[in-house]
Every structure is written in C-alpha cells, then in structure tokens.
C-alpha cells in the first residue's frame, strides 16, 4: 500500500510538471517574436502610412517603448478611458507620478478592462492615444489607435525607433573615424570616473556595439541589436571630448 501511494504521488508530480512545461511552451509560442518596431515618422503621422493600431486582448497588456529614441514621455491622453487602463514606468504628469528631477517615463503599458459606463462619453470600442515626448533636441507628438480585440496578440511590445535620416546628421556620422574614437574614449573616461563597471552587463553590450560599428554596421541597427540607447551613445561621444567632464550616463 505504501509503495502504491509513493508511486501515485510520483506520477502526480510528474504529470503536473509535464502539463506545466507544456503550458509554458504554449505561452512562449504565442508570444514568439512579440516586439513590433515602428519608426517615429510613422508614429507621429508624418508618413503615408496609417497611424499604428493597437488591439488590446483580454489578459494581455501591450507596452509602448520609447527607449530606442532616448525620449522621455511628458504627457499622455487616452480619449476613451472606458476600455483601457494606462500605466507608465516612471513619473508622468497627470497620473499621480509628478516628475521632480526631470526623469520622465520611457515605457507605457496599456491593458484592456471591462468597459465602463461614462455618461459623459459616447459608447465606443476604440480610442485615440496621444503621447507627447521630449528628446535631446525636440519634442514630438505620437498618435496611436487603440481598439478592443479578442484574439491572442501578435506582439506584446511596440518599440518606437528613430528614422534612418536622423543618423545622417553631422553630429552622428559613425562612419567618421573621429566620432568612433570619441565614443571609445568616452567609454574609457566613464570607467575612470567609475560611471560604469568593467564587469557590468552594460559594459559588455557597449563593447559589442563598438565591435559591430567597426565592422561597418549602422548605428541604429548596432545599438538596437546590442541593447543600448542612442542617448547613451551620444553621452559617451560628449564625454570623449574632455577628460574633465562629469556627465552622467
């Protein structure tokens, strides 16, 4: 009897682990290649393409990331709050997370909710999402269409990426050896000032980025592939201009 109970317990645990493994594989398969990249030209409505459509499905949230552009979100308007909830990864005016030191949000998170009844608003399953973001040299207004969906989403994150034209400016010619040397020198100074550790994962990503660029890869592709922001690359370049700089990474 004791052996029978032990075998039953072992069988049950094995069955649970098997089903758990299957469930994880199914979920991973559903969200495979779940990042959709959209250029800021399209997301600001300055192209011939329609503004991006975000379908929110039950149980699945969607992230909108401005990390690749290096921009900070200043203001957000969701015209129909009856169909979705909105959260951010940092401080944001109007969401009870007021910015005190200029550190704004970089990622928005949208999630479908059970439709609410607002007497002041007409009933609709759609909404316009407006995002005001500030970069190093300009502000942009991004537009997204938000709608309720009922299928498993094809992506969980939308990454807003800089357009190719932005990398052709004189201040960002990575094909110029001098600029590449400045970035390399900036990395050395950052280490000397203990702004970055040699053993940190970020250091490895920057080093891989430099290898990619030296091999002739475009900066936007190299930066995205190695998981670093253009803002960081710009800071390293500025840091490389002087040994006395105390710019923060």
Foldseek 3Di string as FASTA:
>chain_A
DVVVVVVVVVVVVVVVVVVVVVVVVVVCVLAPVQEAEDEVCQQQVNDPDHHAEAAAAAPAKAKEFAQQVQKFWADKDKPFVQFKDKDFDAAYPPPPRHDDPPHHTGMMIIHTDHGDDDPVDDDDQKTKMWIWIDHPPGITIGIYIYGYDHDRDHHRYYYHHHDPVVCPDPLRPLVDVVLLVQLVQLVVLCVVVVLDDCPDLVVVLVVQLSVCVVVPDDNSVSCVVSPHYVVSSSNSSVSSVDSPDDDHD
